[in-house]
Amino acid sequence: PVPGELAASAHERIDGRGHLLTPGLVNTHHHL
């Protein structure tokens, strides 16, 4: 669980239960 003092000071708390958190993906080559 997130420590209580960090949770209490959050402007937004996102419930991540049932989710996978990863770094954002990096696309190294595109032609938009």
PDB file of all heavy atoms in Angstrom:
ATOM      1  N   PRO A   1       0.825  -1.206   0.000  1.00  0.00           N
ATOM      2  CA  PRO A   1       0.000   0.000   0.000  1.00  0.00           C
ATOM      3  C   PRO A   1       0.859   1.257   0.000  1.00  0.00           C
ATOM      4  O   PRO A   1       1.958   1.276   0.565  1.00  0.00           O
ATOM      5  CB  PRO A   1      -0.818  -0.116   1.288  1.00  0.00           C
ATOM      6  CG  PRO A   1      -0.737  -1.552   1.678  1.00  0.00           C
ATOM      7  CD  PRO A   1       0.594  -2.043   1.191  1.00  0.00           C
ATOM      8  N   VAL A   2       0.377   2.305  -0.624  1.00  0.00           N
ATOM      9  CA  VAL A   2       1.087   3.571  -0.607  1.00  0.00           C
ATOM     10  C   VAL A   2       1.114   4.108   0.816  1.00  0.00           C
ATOM     11  O   VAL A   2       0.118   4.031   1.540  1.00  0.00           O
ATOM     12  CB  VAL A   2       0.422   4.574  -1.573  1.00  0.00           C
ATOM     13  CG1 VAL A   2      -1.015   4.878  -1.169  1.00  0.00           C
ATOM     14  CG2 VAL A   2       1.223   5.857  -1.675  1.00  0.00           C
ATOM     15  N   PRO A   3       2.259   4.612   1.298  1.00  0.00           N
ATOM     16  CA  PRO A   3       2.319   5.167   2.659  1.00  0.00           C
ATOM     17  C   PRO A   3       1.265   6.239   2.876  1.00  0.00           C
ATOM     18  O   PRO A   3       0.952   7.029   1.980  1.00  0.00           O
ATOM     19  CB  PRO A   3       3.735   5.748   2.726  1.00  0.00           C
ATOM     20  CG  PRO A   3       4.531   4.919   1.755  1.00  0.00           C
ATOM     21  CD  PRO A   3       3.575   4.618   0.640  1.00  0.00           C
ATOM     22  N   GLY A   4       0.714   6.249   4.092  1.00  0.00           N
ATOM     23  CA  GLY A   4      -0.415   7.120   4.385  1.00  0.00           C
ATOM     24  C   GLY A   4      -0.162   8.580   4.142  1.00  0.00           C
ATOM     25  O   GLY A   4      -1.032   9.303   3.633  1.00  0.00           O
ATOM     26  N   GLU A   5       1.033   9.071   4.474  1.00  0.00           N
ATOM     27  CA  GLU A   5       1.303  10.498   4.288  1.00  0.00           C
ATOM     28  C   GLU A   5       1.347  10.883   2.814  1.00  0.00           C
ATOM     29  O   GLU A   5       0.973  12.002   2.439  1.00  0.00           O
ATOM     30  CB  GLU A   5       2.615  10.893   4.976  1.00  0.00           C
ATOM     31  CG  GLU A   5       3.892  10.307   4.382  1.00  0.00           C
ATOM     32  CD  GLU A   5       4.228   8.916   4.893  1.00  0.00           C
ATOM     33  OE1 GLU A   5       3.360   8.282   5.536  1.00  0.00           O
ATOM     34  OE2 GLU A   5       5.372   8.468   4.646  1.00  0.00           O
ATOM     35  N   LEU A   6       1.794   9.942   1.949  1.00  0.00           N
ATOM     36  CA  LEU A   6       1.793  10.220   0.516  1.00  0.00           C
ATOM     37  C   LEU A   6       0.376  10.205  -0.042  1.00  0.00           C
ATOM     38  O   LEU A   6       0.011  11.039  -0.869  1.00  0.00           O
ATOM     39  CB  LEU A   6       2.657   9.189  -0.213  1.00  0.00           C
ATOM     40  CG  LEU A   6       4.156   9.229   0.101  1.00  0.00           C
ATOM     41  CD1 LEU A   6       4.882   8.104  -0.635  1.00  0.00           C
ATOM     42  CD2 LEU A   6       4.759  10.575  -0.262  1.00  0.00           C
ATOM     43  N   ALA A   7      -0.419   9.255   0.411  1.00  0.00           N
ATOM     44  CA  ALA A   7      -1.809   9.193  -0.052  1.00  0.00           C
ATOM     45  C   ALA A   7      -2.587  10.420   0.397  1.00  0.00           C
ATOM     46  O   ALA A   7      -3.383  10.986  -0.367  1.00  0.00           O
ATOM     47  CB  ALA A   7      -2.469   7.929   0.474  1.00  0.00           C
ATOM     48  N   ALA A   8      -2.357  10.849   1.627  1.00  0.00           N
ATOM     49  CA  ALA A   8      -3.121  11.971   2.172  1.00  0.00           C
ATOM     50  C   ALA A   8      -2.838  13.278   1.453  1.00  0.00           C
ATOM     51  O   ALA A   8      -3.696  14.172   1.409  1.00  0.00           O
ATOM     52  CB  ALA A   8      -2.823  12.109   3.665  1.00  0.00           C
ATOM     53  N   SER A   9      -1.638  13.394   0.885  1.00  0.00           N
ATOM     54  CA  SER A   9      -1.257  14.653   0.243  1.00  0.00           C
ATOM     55  C   SER A   9      -1.500  14.658  -1.262  1.00  0.00           C
ATOM     56  O   SER A   9      -1.119  15.610  -1.948  1.00  0.00           O
ATOM     57  CB  SER A   9       0.216  14.951   0.528  1.00  0.00           C
ATOM     58  OG  SER A   9       1.034  13.899   0.047  1.00  0.00           O
ATOM     59  N   ALA A  10      -2.108  13.604  -1.784  1.00  0.00           N
ATOM     60  CA  ALA A  10      -2.315  13.503  -3.231  1.00  0.00           C
ATOM     61  C   ALA A  10      -3.429  14.420  -3.704  1.00  0.00           C
ATOM     62  O   ALA A  10      -4.481  14.521  -3.075  1.00  0.00           O
ATOM     63  CB  ALA A  10      -2.635  12.063  -3.607  1.00  0.00           C
ATOM     64  N   HIS A  11      -3.198  15.068  -4.819  1.00  0.00           N
ATOM     65  CA  HIS A  11      -4.263  15.810  -5.488  1.00  0.00           C
ATOM     66  C   HIS A  11      -5.173  14.860  -6.268  1.00  0.00           C
ATOM     67  O   HIS A  11      -6.358  15.132  -6.450  1.00  0.00           O
ATOM     68  CB  HIS A  11      -3.676  16.846  -6.443  1.00  0.00           C
ATOM     69  CG  HIS A  11      -2.955  17.961  -5.754  1.00  0.00           C
ATOM     70  ND1 HIS A  11      -1.619  17.920  -5.454  1.00  0.00           N
ATOM     71  CD2 HIS A  11      -3.408  19.149  -5.295  1.00  0.00           C
ATOM     72  CE1 HIS A  11      -1.255  19.042  -4.863  1.00  0.00           C
ATOM     73  NE2 HIS A  11      -2.323  19.803  -4.748  1.00  0.00           N
ATOM     74  N   GLU A  12      -4.584  13.759  -6.754  1.00  0.00           N
ATOM     75  CA  GLU A  12      -5.368  12.741  -7.457  1.00  0.00           C
ATOM     76  C   GLU A  12      -4.824  11.378  -7.070  1.00  0.00           C
ATOM     77  O   GLU A  12      -3.616  11.154  -7.077  1.00  0.00           O
ATOM     78  CB  GLU A  12      -5.289  12.909  -8.969  1.00  0.00           C
ATOM     79  CG  GLU A  12      -6.129  11.892  -9.728  1.00  0.00           C
ATOM     80  CD  GLU A  12      -6.052  12.055 -11.245  1.00  0.00           C
ATOM     81  OE1 GLU A  12      -5.197  12.830 -11.717  1.00  0.00           O
ATOM     82  OE2 GLU A  12      -6.832  11.385 -11.946  1.00  0.00           O
ATOM     83  N   ARG A  13      -5.734  10.472  -6.715  1.00  0.00           N
ATOM     84  CA  ARG A  13      -5.343   9.111  -6.396  1.00  0.00           C
ATOM     85  C   ARG A  13      -6.042   8.179  -7.379  1.00  0.00           C
ATOM     86  O   ARG A  13      -7.274   8.184  -7.490  1.00  0.00           O
ATOM     87  CB  ARG A  13      -5.713   8.765  -4.958  1.00  0.00           C
ATOM     88  CG  ARG A  13      -5.180   7.406  -4.506  1.00  0.00           C
ATOM     89  CD  ARG A  13      -5.359   7.217  -3.011  1.00  0.00           C
ATOM     90  NE  ARG A  13      -4.876   5.912  -2.564  1.00  0.00           N
ATOM     91  CZ  ARG A  13      -4.917   5.502  -1.308  1.00  0.00           C
ATOM     92  NH1 ARG A  13      -5.431   6.308  -0.356  1.00  0.00           N
ATOM     93  NH2 ARG A  13      -4.470   4.313  -0.982  1.00  0.00           N
ATOM     94  N   ILE A  14      -5.249   7.395  -8.100  1.00  0.00           N
ATOM     95  CA  ILE A  14      -5.767   6.499  -9.128  1.00  0.00           C
ATOM     96  C   ILE A  14      -5.740   5.075  -8.589  1.00  0.00           C
ATOM     97  O   ILE A  14      -4.684   4.574  -8.194  1.00  0.00           O
ATOM     98  CB  ILE A  14      -4.925   6.602 -10.412  1.00  0.00           C
ATOM     99  CG1 ILE A  14      -4.959   8.041 -10.956  1.00  0.00           C
ATOM    100  CG2 ILE A  14      -5.420   5.615 -11.465  1.00  0.00           C
ATOM    101  CD1 ILE A  14      -3.995   8.284 -12.102  1.00  0.00           C
ATOM    102  N   ASP A  15      -6.901   4.438  -8.585  1.00  0.00           N
ATOM    103  CA  ASP A  15      -7.010   3.060  -8.114  1.00  0.00           C
ATOM    104  C   ASP A  15      -6.490   2.129  -9.207  1.00  0.00           C
ATOM    105  O   ASP A  15      -7.116   1.972 -10.258  1.00  0.00           O
ATOM    106  CB  ASP A  15      -8.465   2.745  -7.779  1.00  0.00           C
ATOM    107  CG  ASP A  15      -8.659   1.341  -7.206  1.00  0.00           C
ATOM    108  OD1 ASP A  15      -7.669   0.582  -7.119  1.00  0.00           O
ATOM    109  OD2 ASP A  15      -9.808   1.013  -6.846  1.00  0.00           O
ATOM    110  N   GLY A  16      -5.330   1.523  -8.949  1.00  0.00           N
ATOM    111  CA  GLY A  16      -4.704   0.680  -9.958  1.00  0.00           C
ATOM    112  C   GLY A  16      -4.993  -0.796  -9.811  1.00  0.00           C
ATOM    113  O   GLY A  16      -4.391  -1.616 -10.523  1.00  0.00           O
ATOM    114  N   ARG A  17      -5.901  -1.189  -8.930  1.00  0.00           N
ATOM    115  CA  ARG A  17      -6.209  -2.612  -8.772  1.00  0.00           C
ATOM    116  C   ARG A  17      -6.723  -3.192 -10.087  1.00  0.00           C
ATOM    117  O   ARG A  17      -7.551  -2.580 -10.771  1.00  0.00           O
ATOM    118  CB  ARG A  17      -7.243  -2.802  -7.668  1.00  0.00           C
ATOM    119  CG  ARG A  17      -6.685  -2.535  -6.261  1.00  0.00           C
ATOM    120  CD  ARG A  17      -7.774  -2.604  -5.219  1.00  0.00           C
ATOM    121  NE  ARG A  17      -8.779  -1.556  -5.423  1.00  0.00           N
ATOM    122  CZ  ARG A  17      -9.871  -1.397  -4.673  1.00  0.00           C
ATOM    123  NH1 ARG A  17     -10.118  -2.247  -3.672  1.00  0.00           N
ATOM    124  NH2 ARG A  17     -10.721  -0.426  -4.929  1.00  0.00           N
ATOM    125  N   GLY A  18      -6.197  -4.381 -10.442  1.00  0.00           N
ATOM    126  CA  GLY A  18      -6.581  -4.998 -11.702  1.00  0.00           C
ATOM    127  C   GLY A  18      -5.889  -4.394 -12.908  1.00  0.00           C
ATOM    128  O   GLY A  18      -6.328  -4.607 -14.048  1.00  0.00           O
ATOM    129  N   HIS A  19      -4.789  -3.671 -12.674  1.00  0.00           N
ATOM    130  CA  HIS A  19      -4.078  -3.005 -13.760  1.00  0.00           C
ATOM    131  C   HIS A  19      -2.585  -3.339 -13.722  1.00  0.00           C
ATOM    132  O   HIS A  19      -2.032  -3.690 -12.681  1.00  0.00           O
ATOM    133  CB  HIS A  19      -4.244  -1.487 -13.665  1.00  0.00           C
ATOM    134  CG  HIS A  19      -5.630  -1.002 -13.930  1.00  0.00           C
ATOM    135  ND1 HIS A  19      -6.659  -1.182 -13.023  1.00  0.00           N
ATOM    136  CD2 HIS A  19      -6.168  -0.325 -14.978  1.00  0.00           C
ATOM    137  CE1 HIS A  19      -7.769  -0.636 -13.518  1.00  0.00           C
ATOM    138  NE2 HIS A  19      -7.492  -0.118 -14.708  1.00  0.00           N
ATOM    139  N   LEU A  20      -1.953  -3.169 -14.867  1.00  0.00           N
ATOM    140  CA  LEU A  20      -0.508  -3.263 -15.029  1.00  0.00           C
ATOM    141  C   LEU A  20       0.020  -1.863 -15.323  1.00  0.00           C
ATOM    142  O   LEU A  20      -0.484  -1.185 -16.229  1.00  0.00           O
ATOM    143  CB  LEU A  20      -0.156  -4.205 -16.184  1.00  0.00           C
ATOM    144  CG  LEU A  20       1.290  -4.172 -16.705  1.00  0.00           C
ATOM    145  CD1 LEU A  20       2.258  -4.731 -15.658  1.00  0.00           C
ATOM    146  CD2 LEU A  20       1.406  -4.953 -18.022  1.00  0.00           C
ATOM    147  N   LEU A  21       1.032  -1.435 -14.571  1.00  0.00           N
ATOM    148  CA  LEU A  21       1.654  -0.135 -14.809  1.00  0.00           C
ATOM    149  C   LEU A  21       3.036  -0.353 -15.404  1.00  0.00           C
ATOM    150  O   LEU A  21       3.857  -1.089 -14.847  1.00  0.00           O
ATOM    151  CB  LEU A  21       1.769   0.652 -13.505  1.00  0.00           C
ATOM    152  CG  LEU A  21       2.305   2.087 -13.643  1.00  0.00           C
ATOM    153  CD1 LEU A  21       1.286   2.973 -14.360  1.00  0.00           C
ATOM    154  CD2 LEU A  21       2.648   2.680 -12.280  1.00  0.00           C
ATOM    155  N   THR A  22       3.290   0.285 -16.542  1.00  0.00           N
ATOM    156  CA  THR A  22       4.594   0.210 -17.208  1.00  0.00           C
ATOM    157  C   THR A  22       5.083   1.616 -17.507  1.00  0.00           C
ATOM    158  O   THR A  22       4.307   2.577 -17.481  1.00  0.00           O
ATOM    159  CB  THR A  22       4.518  -0.569 -18.532  1.00  0.00           C
ATOM    160  OG1 THR A  22       3.793   0.210 -19.503  1.00  0.00           O
ATOM    161  CG2 THR A  22       3.856  -1.927 -18.346  1.00  0.00           C
ATOM    162  N   PRO A  23       6.358   1.753 -17.835  1.00  0.00           N
ATOM    163  CA  PRO A  23       6.783   3.031 -18.407  1.00  0.00           C
ATOM    164  C   PRO A  23       6.010   3.308 -19.696  1.00  0.00           C
ATOM    165  O   PRO A  23       5.556   2.371 -20.374  1.00  0.00           O
ATOM    166  CB  PRO A  23       8.275   2.806 -18.701  1.00  0.00           C
ATOM    167  CG  PRO A  23       8.668   1.634 -17.871  1.00  0.00           C
ATOM    168  CD  PRO A  23       7.446   0.770 -17.768  1.00  0.00           C
ATOM    169  N   GLY A  24       5.858   4.569 -20.033  1.00  0.00           N
ATOM    170  CA  GLY A  24       5.291   4.892 -21.330  1.00  0.00           C
ATOM    171  C   GLY A  24       6.150   4.315 -22.442  1.00  0.00           C
ATOM    172  O   GLY A  24       7.380   4.230 -22.331  1.00  0.00           O
ATOM    173  N   LEU A  25       5.522   3.894 -23.517  1.00  0.00           N
ATOM    174  CA  LEU A  25       6.238   3.264 -24.621  1.00  0.00           C
ATOM    175  C   LEU A  25       6.940   4.315 -25.477  1.00  0.00           C
ATOM    176  O   LEU A  25       6.468   5.450 -25.614  1.00  0.00           O
ATOM    177  CB  LEU A  25       5.286   2.441 -25.475  1.00  0.00           C
ATOM    178  CG  LEU A  25       4.406   1.432 -24.728  1.00  0.00           C
ATOM    179  CD1 LEU A  25       3.584   0.610 -25.718  1.00  0.00           C
ATOM    180  CD2 LEU A  25       5.229   0.517 -23.819  1.00  0.00           C
ATOM    181  N   VAL A  26       8.072   3.917 -26.065  1.00  0.00           N
ATOM    182  CA  VAL A  26       8.909   4.818 -26.857  1.00  0.00           C
ATOM    183  C   VAL A  26       8.969   4.294 -28.289  1.00  0.00           C
ATOM    184  O   VAL A  26       9.475   3.198 -28.540  1.00  0.00           O
ATOM    185  CB  VAL A  26      10.326   4.908 -26.264  1.00  0.00           C
ATOM    186  CG1 VAL A  26      11.205   5.839 -27.108  1.00  0.00           C
ATOM    187  CG2 VAL A  26      10.275   5.397 -24.813  1.00  0.00           C
ATOM    188  N   ASN A  27       8.442   5.061 -29.214  1.00  0.00           N
ATOM    189  CA  ASN A  27       8.430   4.700 -30.637  1.00  0.00           C
ATOM    190  C   ASN A  27       9.653   5.330 -31.296  1.00  0.00           C
ATOM    191  O   ASN A  27       9.745   6.553 -31.393  1.00  0.00           O
ATOM    192  CB  ASN A  27       7.144   5.220 -31.280  1.00  0.00           C
ATOM    193  CG  ASN A  27       7.010   4.826 -32.737  1.00  0.00           C
ATOM    194  OD1 ASN A  27       7.944   4.336 -33.355  1.00  0.00           O
ATOM    195  ND2 ASN A  27       5.840   5.074 -33.305  1.00  0.00           N
ATOM    196  N   THR A  28      10.587   4.514 -31.762  1.00  0.00           N
ATOM    197  CA  THR A  28      11.841   5.040 -32.275  1.00  0.00           C
ATOM    198  C   THR A  28      11.849   5.308 -33.782  1.00  0.00           C
ATOM    199  O   THR A  28      12.854   5.797 -34.304  1.00  0.00           O
ATOM    200  CB  THR A  28      12.999   4.079 -31.943  1.00  0.00           C
ATOM    201  OG1 THR A  28      12.715   2.789 -32.498  1.00  0.00           O
ATOM    202  CG2 THR A  28      13.176   3.957 -30.431  1.00  0.00           C
ATOM    203  N   HIS A  29      10.735   5.020 -34.478  1.00  0.00           N
ATOM    204  CA  HIS A  29      10.727   5.280 -35.927  1.00  0.00           C
ATOM    205  C   HIS A  29       9.298   5.297 -36.444  1.00  0.00           C
ATOM    206  O   HIS A  29       8.571   4.310 -36.335  1.00  0.00           O
ATOM    207  CB  HIS A  29      11.527   4.214 -36.674  1.00  0.00           C
ATOM    208  CG  HIS A  29      11.670   4.466 -38.148  1.00  0.00           C
ATOM    209  ND1 HIS A  29      12.409   5.519 -38.660  1.00  0.00           N
ATOM    210  CD2 HIS A  29      11.167   3.812 -39.221  1.00  0.00           C
ATOM    211  CE1 HIS A  29      12.357   5.494 -39.986  1.00  0.00           C
ATOM    212  NE2 HIS A  29      11.601   4.461 -40.350  1.00  0.00           N
ATOM    213  N   HIS A  30       8.919   6.428 -37.018  1.00  0.00           N
ATOM    214  CA  HIS A  30       7.592   6.601 -37.596  1.00  0.00           C
ATOM    215  C   HIS A  30       7.724   7.556 -38.774  1.00  0.00           C
ATOM    216  O   HIS A  30       8.717   8.284 -38.896  1.00  0.00           O
ATOM    217  CB  HIS A  30       6.644   7.198 -36.545  1.00  0.00           C
ATOM    218  CG  HIS A  30       5.194   6.849 -36.726  1.00  0.00           C
ATOM    219  ND1 HIS A  30       4.575   6.820 -37.954  1.00  0.00           N
ATOM    220  CD2 HIS A  30       4.227   6.547 -35.825  1.00  0.00           C
ATOM    221  CE1 HIS A  30       3.300   6.492 -37.793  1.00  0.00           C
ATOM    222  NE2 HIS A  30       3.075   6.321 -36.510  1.00  0.00           N
ATOM    223  N   HIS A  31       6.714   7.548 -39.654  1.00  0.00           N
ATOM    224  CA  HIS A  31       6.570   8.570 -40.685  1.00  0.00           C
ATOM    225  C   HIS A  31       5.137   9.086 -40.567  1.00  0.00           C
ATOM    226  O   HIS A  31       4.203   8.535 -41.181  1.00  0.00           O
ATOM    227  CB  HIS A  31       6.816   7.995 -42.081  1.00  0.00           C
ATOM    228  CG  HIS A  31       8.160   7.366 -42.267  1.00  0.00           C
ATOM    229  ND1 HIS A  31       9.331   8.100 -42.246  1.00  0.00           N
ATOM    230  CD2 HIS A  31       8.534   6.073 -42.470  1.00  0.00           C
ATOM    231  CE1 HIS A  31      10.355   7.289 -42.431  1.00  0.00           C
ATOM    232  NE2 HIS A  31       9.895   6.051 -42.564  1.00  0.00           N
ATOM    233  N   LEU A  32       4.946  10.105 -39.773  1.00  0.00           N
ATOM    234  CA  LEU A  32       3.598  10.533 -39.415  1.00  0.00           C
ATOM    235  C   LEU A  32       2.785  10.992 -40.621  1.00  0.00           C
ATOM    236  O   LEU A  32       1.577  10.741 -40.697  1.00  0.00           O
ATOM    237  CB  LEU A  32       3.673  11.657 -38.377  1.00  0.00           C
ATOM    238  CG  LEU A  32       4.216  11.265 -36.999  1.00  0.00           C
ATOM    239  CD1 LEU A  32       4.443  12.509 -36.154  1.00  0.00           C
ATOM    240  CD2 LEU A  32       3.268  10.292 -36.283  1.00  0.00           C
TER     241      LEU A  32
END
